[in-house]
C-alpha atoms as a PDB file:
ATOM      1  CA  MET A   1      71.938 -44.661  95.755  1.00  0.00           C
ATOM      2  CA  PHE A   2      73.182 -47.849  96.951  1.00  0.00           C
ATOM      3  CA  ASP A   3      73.574 -50.018 100.005  1.00  0.00           C
ATOM      4  CA  LEU A   4      76.149 -51.429 101.809  1.00  0.00           C
ATOM      5  CA  GLY A   5      75.267 -55.044 100.456  1.00  0.00           C
ATOM      6  CA  GLN A   6      74.729 -53.667  96.480  1.00  0.00           C
ATOM      7  CA  LEU A   7      78.898 -52.230  97.364  1.00  0.00           C
ATOM      8  CA  GLU A   8      79.993 -55.441  98.571  1.00  0.00           C
ATOM      9  CA  ARG A   9      78.093 -57.202  95.500  1.00  0.00           C
ATOM     10  CA  ALA A  10      79.777 -54.218  92.969  1.00  0.00           C
ATOM     11  CA  GLN A  11      83.112 -55.176  94.752  1.00  0.00           C
ATOM     12  CA  ALA A  12      82.922 -58.746  93.967  1.00  0.00           C
ATOM     13  CA  ILE A  13      82.098 -57.715  90.121  1.00  0.00           C
ATOM     14  CA  VAL A  14      84.906 -55.183  89.986  1.00  0.00           C
ATOM     15  CA  GLY A  15      87.626 -57.456  91.698  1.00  0.00           C
ATOM     16  CA  THR A  16      87.191 -59.857  89.161  1.00  0.00           C
ATOM     17  CA  VAL A  17      89.303 -57.611  86.380  1.00  0.00           C
ATOM     18  CA  VAL A  18      90.532 -55.060  88.935  1.00  0.00           C
ATOM     19  CA  PRO A  19      92.593 -55.798  91.899  1.00  0.00           C
ATOM     20  CA  PRO A  20      92.508 -53.522  95.024  1.00  0.00           C
ATOM     21  CA  THR A  21      94.829 -50.350  94.041  1.00  0.00           C
ATOM     22  CA  PRO A  22      97.414 -49.716  96.312  1.00  0.00           C
ATOM     23  CA  LEU A  23      97.264 -47.249  99.377  1.00  0.00           C
ATOM     24  CA  HIS A  24     100.996 -45.719  99.847  1.00  0.00           C
ATOM     25  CA  ALA A  25     102.270 -43.407 102.390  1.00  0.00           C
ATOM     26  CA  TRP A  26     104.734 -41.543 100.685  1.00  0.00           C
ATOM     27  CA  PRO A  27     107.582 -39.685 103.064  1.00  0.00           C
ATOM     28  CA  LEU A  28     108.246 -36.917 100.858  1.00  0.00           C
ATOM     29  CA  LEU A  29     104.593 -35.671 100.224  1.00  0.00           C
ATOM     30  CA  ALA A  30     104.374 -35.716 104.082  1.00  0.00           C
ATOM     31  CA  GLU A  31     107.428 -33.650 104.340  1.00  0.00           C
ATOM     32  CA  ARG A  32     105.509 -31.393 101.715  1.00  0.00           C
ATOM     33  CA  LEU A  33     102.048 -31.304 103.545  1.00  0.00           C
ATOM     34  CA  GLY A  34     103.335 -31.304 107.112  1.00  0.00           C
ATOM     35  CA  ALA A  35     100.833 -34.050 107.709  1.00  0.00           C
ATOM     36  CA  ASP A  36     100.455 -37.913 107.647  1.00  0.00           C
ATOM     37  CA  VAL A  37      99.585 -38.575 103.527  1.00  0.00           C
ATOM     38  CA  LEU A  38      98.105 -41.679 102.175  1.00  0.00           C
ATOM     39  CA  VAL A  39      97.912 -41.803  98.377  1.00  0.00           C
ATOM     40  CA  LYS A  40      95.070 -44.036  96.767  1.00  0.00           C
ATOM     41  CA  HIS A  41      96.686 -45.221  93.386  1.00  0.00           C
ATOM     42  CA  GLU A  42      93.799 -45.242  91.057  1.00  0.00           C
ATOM     43  CA  ASN A  43      96.444 -45.108  88.266  1.00  0.00           C
ATOM     44  CA  HIS A  44      97.232 -48.838  88.789  1.00  0.00           C
ATOM     45  CA  THR A  45      94.029 -49.694  86.920  1.00  0.00           C
ATOM     46  CA  PRO A  46      93.984 -51.705  83.685  1.00  0.00           C
ATOM     47  CA  THR A  47      92.781 -48.645  82.160  1.00  0.00           C
ATOM     48  CA  GLY A  48      94.930 -46.268  83.996  1.00  0.00           C
ATOM     49  CA  ALA A  49      92.272 -44.626  85.762  1.00  0.00           C
ATOM     50  CA  PHE A  50      89.286 -44.864  88.351  1.00  0.00           C
ATOM     51  CA  LYS A  51      86.371 -44.807  85.825  1.00  0.00           C
ATOM     52  CA  VAL A  52      87.058 -48.463  84.633  1.00  0.00           C
ATOM     53  CA  ARG A  53      85.262 -49.435  87.825  1.00  0.00           C
ATOM     54  CA  GLY A  54      81.952 -47.764  86.898  1.00  0.00           C
ATOM     55  CA  GLY A  55      81.912 -49.093  83.417  1.00  0.00           C
ATOM     56  CA  LEU A  56      82.084 -52.616  84.607  1.00  0.00           C
ATOM     57  CA  ILE A  57      78.912 -52.119  86.807  1.00  0.00           C
ATOM     58  CA  TYR A  58      77.380 -49.986  84.443  1.00  0.00           C
ATOM     59  CA  LEU A  59      77.853 -53.139  81.642  1.00  0.00           C
ATOM     60  CA  ASP A  60      76.920 -55.780  83.761  1.00  0.00           C
ATOM     61  CA  ARG A  61      73.655 -54.626  84.758  1.00  0.00           C
ATOM     62  CA  LEU A  62      72.920 -53.647  81.328  1.00  0.00           C
ATOM     63  CA  LYS A  63      73.607 -56.793  79.900  1.00  0.00           C
ATOM     64  CA  CYS A  64      71.551 -58.307  82.777  1.00  0.00           C
ATOM     65  CA  GLU A  65      68.305 -56.103  82.036  1.00  0.00           C
ATOM     66  CA  GLN A  66      68.691 -55.521  78.035  1.00  0.00           C
ATOM     67  CA  PRO A  67      70.676 -58.488  76.905  1.00  0.00           C
ATOM     68  CA  ASP A  68      69.757 -57.780  73.165  1.00  0.00           C
ATOM     69  CA  THR A  69      71.259 -54.277  73.422  1.00  0.00           C
ATOM     70  CA  PRO A  70      72.916 -53.639  69.661  1.00  0.00           C
ATOM     71  CA  GLY A  71      75.601 -51.451  71.112  1.00  0.00           C
ATOM     72  CA  ILE A  72      76.369 -48.624  73.431  1.00  0.00           C
ATOM     73  CA  ILE A  73      77.631 -44.815  72.726  1.00  0.00           C
ATOM     74  CA  SER A  74      78.933 -42.392  75.153  1.00  0.00           C
ATOM     75  CA  ALA A  75      80.849 -39.021  75.030  1.00  0.00           C
ATOM     76  CA  THR A  76      84.139 -38.268  77.038  1.00  0.00           C
ATOM     77  CA  ARG A  77      87.444 -36.597  77.078  1.00  0.00           C
ATOM     78  CA  GLY A  78      89.221 -39.877  77.666  1.00  0.00           C
ATOM     79  CA  ASN A  79      88.652 -41.951  80.997  1.00  0.00           C
ATOM     80  CA  HIS A  80      84.890 -42.749  80.702  1.00  0.00           C
ATOM     81  CA  GLY A  81      85.215 -43.646  77.213  1.00  0.00           C
ATOM     82  CA  GLN A  82      87.976 -46.125  78.083  1.00  0.00           C
ATOM     83  CA  SER A  83      86.481 -47.524  80.933  1.00  0.00           C
ATOM     84  CA  LEU A  84      83.319 -48.221  78.725  1.00  0.00           C
ATOM     85  CA  ALA A  85      85.325 -49.550  75.866  1.00  0.00           C
ATOM     86  CA  PHE A  86      87.140 -51.998  78.201  1.00  0.00           C
ATOM     87  CA  ALA A  87      83.731 -53.410  79.704  1.00  0.00           C
ATOM     88  CA  ALA A  88      81.778 -53.404  76.558  1.00  0.00           C
ATOM     89  CA  ARG A  89      84.573 -55.822  74.931  1.00  0.00           C
ATOM     90  CA  ARG A  90      84.233 -57.993  78.084  1.00  0.00           C
ATOM     91  CA  HIS A  91      80.617 -58.509  77.139  1.00  0.00           C
ATOM     92  CA  ASP A  92      81.035 -58.358  73.403  1.00  0.00           C
ATOM     93  CA  VAL A  93      78.779 -55.115  73.216  1.00  0.00           C
ATOM     94  CA  PRO A  94      80.055 -52.326  70.241  1.00  0.00           C
ATOM     95  CA  ALA A  95      81.148 -49.388  71.476  1.00  0.00           C
ATOM     96  CA  THR A  96      81.021 -46.029  70.222  1.00  0.00           C
ATOM     97  CA  ILE A  97      82.641 -43.337  72.046  1.00  0.00           C
ATOM     98  CA  TYR A  98      82.600 -39.403  70.823  1.00  0.00           C
ATOM     99  CA  VAL A  99      85.343 -37.143  71.537  1.00  0.00           C
ATOM    100  CA  PRO A 100      85.887 -33.478  70.715  1.00  0.00           C
ATOM    101  CA  HIS A 101      88.526 -32.505  68.085  1.00  0.00           C
ATOM    102  CA  GLY A 102      92.157 -32.211  69.820  1.00  0.00           C
ATOM    103  CA  ASN A 103      91.284 -34.890  72.248  1.00  0.00           C
ATOM    104  CA  SER A 104      94.165 -36.556  73.814  1.00  0.00           C
ATOM    105  CA  VAL A 105      96.096 -38.607  71.386  1.00  0.00           C
ATOM    106  CA  GLU A 106      97.221 -41.037  73.616  1.00  0.00           C
ATOM    107  CA  LYS A 107      93.702 -41.589  75.052  1.00  0.00           C
ATOM    108  CA  ASN A 108      92.151 -41.750  71.610  1.00  0.00           C
ATOM    109  CA  ARG A 109      94.558 -44.634  70.728  1.00  0.00           C
ATOM    110  CA  ALA A 110      93.812 -46.451  74.388  1.00  0.00           C
ATOM    111  CA  MET A 111      90.030 -46.151  73.153  1.00  0.00           C
ATOM    112  CA  ARG A 112      90.418 -47.684  69.789  1.00  0.00           C
ATOM    113  CA  ALA A 113      92.920 -50.455  71.286  1.00  0.00           C
ATOM    114  CA  PHE A 114      90.107 -51.320  74.169  1.00  0.00           C
ATOM    115  CA  GLY A 115      87.819 -51.971  70.911  1.00  0.00           C
ATOM    116  CA  ALA A 116      85.889 -48.855  70.716  1.00  0.00           C
ATOM    117  CA  ALA A 117      84.967 -47.154  67.544  1.00  0.00           C
ATOM    118  CA  LEU A 118      86.127 -43.372  67.761  1.00  0.00           C
ATOM    119  CA  VAL A 119      84.334 -40.185  66.617  1.00  0.00           C
ATOM    120  CA  GLU A 120      85.775 -36.934  66.578  1.00  0.00           C
ATOM    121  CA  HIS A 121      82.920 -33.775  66.852  1.00  0.00           C
ATOM    122  CA  GLY A 122      82.963 -30.306  68.230  1.00  0.00           C
ATOM    123  CA  GLN A 123      85.086 -28.326  69.976  1.00  0.00           C
ATOM    124  CA  ASP A 124      84.449 -29.392  73.893  1.00  0.00           C
ATOM    125  CA  PHE A 125      82.852 -32.406  75.609  1.00  0.00           C
ATOM    126  CA  GLN A 126      79.314 -30.809  75.607  1.00  0.00           C
ATOM    127  CA  ALA A 127      79.338 -30.433  71.754  1.00  0.00           C
ATOM    128  CA  ALA A 128      80.417 -34.132  71.665  1.00  0.00           C
ATOM    129  CA  ARG A 129      77.914 -35.520  74.278  1.00  0.00           C
ATOM    130  CA  GLU A 130      75.169 -33.600  72.239  1.00  0.00           C
ATOM    131  CA  GLU A 131      76.127 -35.158  69.270  1.00  0.00           C
ATOM    132  CA  ALA A 132      76.217 -38.768  70.622  1.00  0.00           C
ATOM    133  CA  VAL A 133      72.871 -38.062  72.082  1.00  0.00           C
ATOM    134  CA  ARG A 134      71.500 -37.598  68.401  1.00  0.00           C
ATOM    135  CA  ARG A 135      73.678 -39.932  67.066  1.00  0.00           C
ATOM    136  CA  ALA A 136      72.247 -42.866  69.922  1.00  0.00           C
ATOM    137  CA  GLU A 137      68.634 -41.756  68.664  1.00  0.00           C
ATOM    138  CA  ARG A 138      69.415 -42.085  65.267  1.00  0.00           C
ATOM    139  CA  ALA A 139      71.147 -45.548  65.494  1.00  0.00           C
ATOM    140  CA  GLY A 140      69.009 -47.029  68.279  1.00  0.00           C
ATOM    141  CA  LEU A 141      72.025 -47.276  70.502  1.00  0.00           C
ATOM    142  CA  HIS A 142      72.208 -47.433  74.209  1.00  0.00           C
ATOM    143  CA  MET A 143      73.110 -43.803  75.503  1.00  0.00           C
ATOM    144  CA  VAL A 144      75.846 -44.098  78.491  1.00  0.00           C
ATOM    145  CA  PRO A 145      75.498 -40.809  80.589  1.00  0.00           C
ATOM    146  CA  SER A 146      78.810 -39.278  82.189  1.00  0.00           C
ATOM    147  CA  PHE A 147      76.879 -39.626  85.561  1.00  0.00           C
ATOM    148  CA  HIS A 148      74.377 -42.793  86.588  1.00  0.00           C
ATOM    149  CA  PRO A 149      74.012 -44.561  89.817  1.00  0.00           C
ATOM    150  CA  ASP A 150      75.659 -47.421  88.480  1.00  0.00           C
ATOM    151  CA  LEU A 151      78.778 -45.692  87.500  1.00  0.00           C
ATOM    152  CA  VAL A 152      78.939 -43.996  91.114  1.00  0.00           C
ATOM    153  CA  LEU A 153      78.185 -47.570  92.316  1.00  0.00           C
ATOM    154  CA  GLY A 154      81.362 -48.990  90.688  1.00  0.00           C
ATOM    155  CA  VAL A 155      83.442 -46.337  91.294  1.00  0.00           C
ATOM    156  CA  ALA A 156      82.581 -46.201  94.623  1.00  0.00           C
ATOM    157  CA  THR A 157      84.305 -49.470  95.217  1.00  0.00           C
ATOM    158  CA  TYR A 158      87.917 -47.513  95.432  1.00  0.00           C
ATOM    159  CA  ALA A 159      86.268 -45.844  98.334  1.00  0.00           C
ATOM    160  CA  PHE A 160      85.286 -48.788 100.068  1.00  0.00           C
ATOM    161  CA  GLU A 161      89.049 -50.028  99.742  1.00  0.00           C
ATOM    162  CA  LEU A 162      90.330 -46.990 100.930  1.00  0.00           C
ATOM    163  CA  PHE A 163      88.126 -46.410 104.064  1.00  0.00           C
ATOM    164  CA  LYS A 164      88.410 -50.216 104.962  1.00  0.00           C
ATOM    165  CA  ALA A 165      92.067 -49.401 104.953  1.00  0.00           C
ATOM    166  CA  ALA A 166      92.052 -46.352 106.406  1.00  0.00           C
ATOM    167  CA  PRO A 167      88.610 -45.543 108.571  1.00  0.00           C
ATOM    168  CA  ASP A 168      90.669 -42.455 110.437  1.00  0.00           C
ATOM    169  CA  LEU A 169      91.496 -40.046 107.529  1.00  0.00           C
ATOM    170  CA  ASP A 170      90.700 -36.596 108.451  1.00  0.00           C
ATOM    171  CA  LEU A 171      90.176 -35.052 105.028  1.00  0.00           C
ATOM    172  CA  LEU A 172      90.248 -36.551 101.775  1.00  0.00           C
ATOM    173  CA  TYR A 173      90.728 -34.585  98.471  1.00  0.00           C
ATOM    174  CA  VAL A 174      88.780 -36.024  95.434  1.00  0.00           C
ATOM    175  CA  PRO A 175      88.949 -34.507  92.011  1.00  0.00           C
ATOM    176  CA  ILE A 176      85.408 -33.206  90.452  1.00  0.00           C
ATOM    177  CA  GLY A 177      84.864 -34.137  86.632  1.00  0.00           C
ATOM    178  CA  GLN A 178      81.022 -35.086  86.283  1.00  0.00           C
ATOM    179  CA  GLY A 179      80.912 -36.056  89.937  1.00  0.00           C
ATOM    180  CA  SER A 180      81.120 -39.839  90.275  1.00  0.00           C
ATOM    181  CA  GLY A 181      84.387 -40.297  92.011  1.00  0.00           C
ATOM    182  CA  ILE A 182      83.194 -38.037  94.938  1.00  0.00           C
ATOM    183  CA  CYS A 183      79.666 -39.035  95.549  1.00  0.00           C
ATOM    184  CA  GLY A 184      80.912 -42.635  95.724  1.00  0.00           C
ATOM    185  CA  CYS A 185      83.277 -41.487  98.304  1.00  0.00           C
ATOM    186  CA  ILE A 186      80.684 -39.397  99.930  1.00  0.00           C
ATOM    187  CA  ARG A 187      78.276 -42.252 100.130  1.00  0.00           C
ATOM    188  CA  VAL A 188      80.956 -44.990 101.175  1.00  0.00           C
ATOM    189  CA  ARG A 189      82.001 -42.571 104.265  1.00  0.00           C
ATOM    190  CA  ASP A 190      78.325 -42.422 105.303  1.00  0.00           C
ATOM    191  CA  LEU A 191      77.193 -46.043 104.897  1.00  0.00           C
ATOM    192  CA  LEU A 192      80.912 -46.789 107.067  1.00  0.00           C
ATOM    193  CA  GLY A 193      79.492 -43.954 109.635  1.00  0.00           C
ATOM    194  CA  LEU A 194      82.663 -41.957 109.385  1.00  0.00           C
ATOM    195  CA  LYS A 195      83.603 -38.706 109.896  1.00  0.00           C
ATOM    196  CA  THR A 196      86.182 -37.604 107.008  1.00  0.00           C
ATOM    197  CA  GLU A 197      85.894 -34.455 106.076  1.00  0.00           C
ATOM    198  CA  ILE A 198      85.851 -34.474 101.943  1.00  0.00           C
ATOM    199  CA  VAL A 199      86.880 -31.684  99.834  1.00  0.00           C
ATOM    200  CA  GLY A 200      85.880 -31.504  96.197  1.00  0.00           C
ATOM    201  CA  VAL A 201      88.786 -30.349  93.686  1.00  0.00           C
ATOM    202  CA  GLN A 202      87.954 -28.399  90.376  1.00  0.00           C
ATOM    203  CA  SER A 203      90.252 -26.174  87.862  1.00  0.00           C
ATOM    204  CA  THR A 204      89.938 -22.455  88.019  1.00  0.00           C
ATOM    205  CA  GLU A 205      89.643 -23.129  84.329  1.00  0.00           C
ATOM    206  CA  ALA A 206      86.342 -24.986  84.613  1.00  0.00           C
ATOM    207  CA  PRO A 207      84.567 -24.375  87.967  1.00  0.00           C
ATOM    208  CA  SER A 208      81.156 -25.397  87.208  1.00  0.00           C
ATOM    209  CA  TYR A 209      80.908 -27.253  90.202  1.00  0.00           C
ATOM    210  CA  ALA A 210      82.199 -24.857  92.358  1.00  0.00           C
ATOM    211  CA  LEU A 211      80.179 -21.879  91.156  1.00  0.00           C
ATOM    212  CA  SER A 212      77.296 -24.280  91.655  1.00  0.00           C
ATOM    213  CA  PHE A 213      78.071 -25.695  95.146  1.00  0.00           C
ATOM    214  CA  ALA A 214      78.370 -21.865  96.022  1.00  0.00           C
ATOM    215  CA  ALA A 215      75.092 -20.669  94.394  1.00  0.00           C
ATOM    216  CA  GLY A 216      73.343 -23.685  95.760  1.00  0.00           C
ATOM    217  CA  THR A 217      71.858 -23.973  92.254  1.00  0.00           C
ATOM    218  CA  ILE A 218      73.346 -25.191  88.563  1.00  0.00           C
ATOM    219  CA  VAL A 219      75.695 -22.507  87.147  1.00  0.00           C
ATOM    220  CA  THR A 220      77.081 -23.158  83.761  1.00  0.00           C
ATOM    221  CA  THR A 221      80.302 -21.996  82.079  1.00  0.00           C
ATOM    222  CA  GLU A 222      80.791 -21.235  78.750  1.00  0.00           C
ATOM    223  CA  LYS A 223      84.573 -22.416  78.372  1.00  0.00           C
ATOM    224  CA  ALA A 224      86.587 -25.207  80.327  1.00  0.00           C
ATOM    225  CA  ASN A 225      89.987 -24.463  78.854  1.00  0.00           C
ATOM    226  CA  THR A 226      91.944 -26.191  81.316  1.00  0.00           C
ATOM    227  CA  ARG A 227      94.646 -28.868  80.612  1.00  0.00           C
ATOM    228  CA  ALA A 228      93.322 -31.013  83.209  1.00  0.00           C
ATOM    229  CA  ASP A 229      90.939 -32.611  80.287  1.00  0.00           C
ATOM    230  CA  GLY A 230      89.489 -35.142  83.171  1.00  0.00           C
ATOM    231  CA  MET A 231      87.928 -31.870  85.136  1.00  0.00           C
ATOM    232  CA  ALA A 232      87.105 -29.830  81.980  1.00  0.00           C
ATOM    233  CA  THR A 233      83.278 -29.693  82.681  1.00  0.00           C
ATOM    234  CA  ARG A 234      80.929 -26.846  81.674  1.00  0.00           C
ATOM    235  CA  ILE A 235      77.567 -28.267  82.870  1.00  0.00           C
ATOM    236  CA  PRO A 236      76.985 -29.823  86.144  1.00  0.00           C
ATOM    237  CA  ASP A 237      74.827 -32.572  86.867  1.00  0.00           C
ATOM    238  CA  ALA A 238      71.927 -31.539  88.967  1.00  0.00           C
ATOM    239  CA  ASP A 239      71.941 -35.286  90.800  1.00  0.00           C
ATOM    240  CA  ALA A 240      75.795 -35.313  91.068  1.00  0.00           C
ATOM    241  CA  LEU A 241      75.408 -31.466  92.651  1.00  0.00           C
ATOM    242  CA  ALA A 242      72.713 -32.375  95.149  1.00  0.00           C
ATOM    243  CA  VAL A 243      74.864 -35.304  96.775  1.00  0.00           C
ATOM    244  CA  ILE A 244      78.272 -32.970  96.580  1.00  0.00           C
ATOM    245  CA  ARG A 245      76.188 -30.186  98.280  1.00  0.00           C
ATOM    246  CA  LYS A 246      75.039 -32.330 101.117  1.00  0.00           C
ATOM    247  CA  GLY A 247      77.970 -34.384 101.846  1.00  0.00           C
ATOM    248  CA  ALA A 248      81.481 -32.323 100.843  1.00  0.00           C
ATOM    249  CA  ALA A 249      83.045 -29.868 103.362  1.00  0.00           C
ATOM    250  CA  ARG A 250      83.970 -27.620  99.971  1.00  0.00           C
ATOM    251  CA  ILE A 251      85.396 -27.300  96.801  1.00  0.00           C
ATOM    252  CA  VAL A 252      88.807 -25.769  96.041  1.00  0.00           C
ATOM    253  CA  GLN A 253      89.686 -24.354  92.738  1.00  0.00           C
ATOM    254  CA  VAL A 254      93.115 -25.383  91.376  1.00  0.00           C
ATOM    255  CA  SER A 255      94.848 -23.414  88.713  1.00  0.00           C
ATOM    256  CA  ASP A 256      96.594 -25.446  86.008  1.00  0.00           C
ATOM    257  CA  GLY A 257      99.973 -24.352  87.088  1.00  0.00           C
ATOM    258  CA  GLU A 258      99.274 -25.719  90.608  1.00  0.00           C
ATOM    259  CA  VAL A 259      98.458 -28.702  88.648  1.00  0.00           C
ATOM    260  CA  GLY A 260     101.534 -28.646  86.869  1.00  0.00           C
ATOM    261  CA  ALA A 261     103.468 -28.598  90.009  1.00  0.00           C
ATOM    262  CA  ALA A 262     101.882 -31.420  91.684  1.00  0.00           C
ATOM    263  CA  ILE A 263     102.683 -33.684  88.524  1.00  0.00           C
ATOM    264  CA  ARG A 264     106.088 -32.745  89.137  1.00  0.00           C
ATOM    265  CA  HIS A 265     105.763 -33.416  92.846  1.00  0.00           C
ATOM    266  CA  TYR A 266     104.055 -37.154  92.342  1.00  0.00           C
ATOM    267  CA  TRP A 267     107.190 -38.097  89.721  1.00  0.00           C
ATOM    268  CA  THR A 268     109.628 -36.738  91.901  1.00  0.00           C
ATOM    269  CA  ASP A 269     108.320 -37.902  95.370  1.00  0.00           C
ATOM    270  CA  THR A 270     106.761 -41.153  94.251  1.00  0.00           C
ATOM    271  CA  HIS A 271     108.138 -41.714  90.544  1.00  0.00           C
ATOM    272  CA  ASN A 272     104.339 -42.270  89.806  1.00  0.00           C
ATOM    273  CA  LEU A 273     102.976 -40.184  86.729  1.00  0.00           C
ATOM    274  CA  ALA A 274      99.786 -38.375  87.082  1.00  0.00           C
ATOM    275  CA  GLU A 275      97.249 -36.602  84.496  1.00  0.00           C
ATOM    276  CA  GLY A 276      96.280 -33.466  85.417  1.00  0.00           C
ATOM    277  CA  ALA A 277      92.967 -34.393  86.834  1.00  0.00           C
ATOM    278  CA  GLY A 278      94.751 -37.161  89.242  1.00  0.00           C
ATOM    279  CA  ALA A 279      97.162 -34.324  90.641  1.00  0.00           C
ATOM    280  CA  ALA A 280      94.790 -32.076  91.291  1.00  0.00           C
ATOM    281  CA  ALA A 281      93.907 -33.553  94.986  1.00  0.00           C
ATOM    282  CA  LEU A 282      97.653 -33.120  95.975  1.00  0.00           C
ATOM    283  CA  ALA A 283      97.684 -29.762  94.139  1.00  0.00           C
ATOM    284  CA  ALA A 284      94.194 -28.888  96.165  1.00  0.00           C
ATOM    285  CA  ALA A 285      96.416 -30.086  99.606  1.00  0.00           C
ATOM    286  CA  LEU A 286      99.314 -28.242  98.819  1.00  0.00           C
ATOM    287  CA  GLN A 287      97.243 -24.872  98.388  1.00  0.00           C
ATOM    288  CA  GLU A 288      95.640 -25.888 101.909  1.00  0.00           C
ATOM    289  CA  ARG A 289      98.853 -26.959 103.484  1.00  0.00           C
ATOM    290  CA  ASN A 290      98.312 -24.518 106.367  1.00  0.00           C
ATOM    291  CA  ARG A 291      95.327 -26.218 107.518  1.00  0.00           C
ATOM    292  CA  LEU A 292      96.621 -29.826 107.343  1.00  0.00           C
ATOM    293  CA  GLN A 293      99.457 -29.834 109.835  1.00  0.00           C
ATOM    294  CA  GLY A 294      99.287 -32.603 111.856  1.00  0.00           C
ATOM    295  CA  LYS A 295      96.496 -34.252 110.228  1.00  0.00           C
ATOM    296  CA  ARG A 296      96.030 -37.715 108.338  1.00  0.00           C
ATOM    297  CA  VAL A 297      95.124 -36.407 104.615  1.00  0.00           C
ATOM    298  CA  GLY A 298      93.987 -38.552 101.879  1.00  0.00           C
ATOM    299  CA  LEU A 299      94.715 -38.078  98.163  1.00  0.00           C
ATOM    300  CA  ILE A 300      92.913 -39.721  95.233  1.00  0.00           C
ATOM    301  CA  LEU A 301      95.341 -39.920  92.381  1.00  0.00           C
ATOM    302  CA  SER A 302      92.279 -40.689  90.156  1.00  0.00           C
ATOM    303  CA  GLY A 303      94.664 -41.511  86.715  1.00  0.00           C
ATOM    304  CA  GLY A 304      97.854 -41.255  85.073  1.00  0.00           C
ATOM    305  CA  ASN A 305      96.665 -41.286  81.381  1.00  0.00           C
ATOM    306  CA  ILE A 306      98.499 -38.099  80.172  1.00  0.00           C
ATOM    307  CA  ASP A 307     100.077 -37.461  76.902  1.00  0.00           C
ATOM    308  CA  PHE A 308     103.961 -37.484  76.665  1.00  0.00           C
ATOM    309  CA  ASP A 309     103.828 -34.141  74.664  1.00  0.00           C
ATOM    310  CA  LEU A 310     101.561 -32.587  77.149  1.00  0.00           C
ATOM    311  CA  PHE A 311     103.668 -33.469  80.033  1.00  0.00           C
ATOM    312  CA  ARG A 312     106.599 -32.256  78.767  1.00  0.00           C
ATOM    313  CA  GLN A 313     104.761 -28.845  77.496  1.00  0.00           C
ATOM    314  CA  TRP A 314     102.868 -28.486  80.648  1.00  0.00           C
ATOM    315  CA  VAL A 315     105.544 -29.769  83.417  1.00  0.00           C
ATOM    316  CA  GLY A 316     108.874 -29.405  81.839  1.00  0.00           C
ATOM    317  CA  THR A 317     112.165 -31.710  82.231  1.00  0.00           C
ATOM    318  CA  ASP A 318     113.906 -29.830  84.979  1.00  0.00           C
ATOM    319  CA  ALA A 319     111.906 -31.051  87.918  1.00  0.00           C
ATOM    320  CA  ALA A 320     114.163 -34.109  88.239  1.00  0.00           C
ATOM    321  CA  ILE A 321     117.365 -32.458  88.599  1.00  0.00           C
ATOM    322  CA  ALA A 322     119.145 -33.636  91.962  1.00  0.00           C
ATOM    323  CA  GLY A 323     118.895 -31.290  94.734  1.00  0.00           C
ATOM    324  CA  ARG A 324     115.841 -29.056  93.518  1.00  0.00           C
ATOM    325  CA  PRO A 325     114.425 -27.907  96.516  1.00  0.00           C
ATOM    326  CA  LEU A 326     110.841 -29.115  97.952  1.00  0.00           C
ATOM    327  CA  ALA A 327     109.073 -25.898  96.678  1.00  0.00           C
END
């Protein structure tokens, strides 16, 4: 996908806008897992999620190669759209973003605030994506996919930061939506010649990549009804799947209940707010706690963009009661 020189150049571009995000060891999380735990805080970017890095690299190349682009268009459940809106505004390119009906209210507000024209269509991401493709063809707009080498190169800069700071990780848990994050982690690990075992994480309610990983071929699902909208994928990308099957150790499936518990743990143990996909890595590590004893473990907290109402309904408010056991 890219070499070390390209990665370093991407880091320089991203770094003009996104300072290196924190990498923290949290004692209470270590106590929960019985392991040495490092959290990569991609919830601390200017858009609250890791994807902003990919948007910056994609738009940089697009403006260099197609300077007269009349506008971009894409589909999202939120973080990809925020990334593109943020980057497009920096390059003075109009951005149109499609989302399904019932999408995150607060993510929708953020995309509009970053300058995107927002269109609601369909009942899930796939329906919104298909309509965005049709609109792009009709209006002559540039369609930005959810998975692309430039997006992977951009988001790989967080993995570059992580592995330079902690090259001795035994395991790294990474959530999977369309696959750019985990593919970037795999590529950077391999470029640096490290031995870290990379574990993907998906929702039990949207397991298309997990099913495809096991089957060795694309497996689609009819529904993706997880509250963790960043992982609500029904149709895997073939190129992403090829990278994941070659470079990941396994894919762990986590339930919405496990994700909700992980969101609570992030709040009580680190005072960080995680969205569903952002907490998925911790949920998977907790599920695999017995195999982590004495290990050095990395967790990607990929984003913190969760609606307050969803947080309140999903997670509840009793988690912060003093003395609550570390269950």
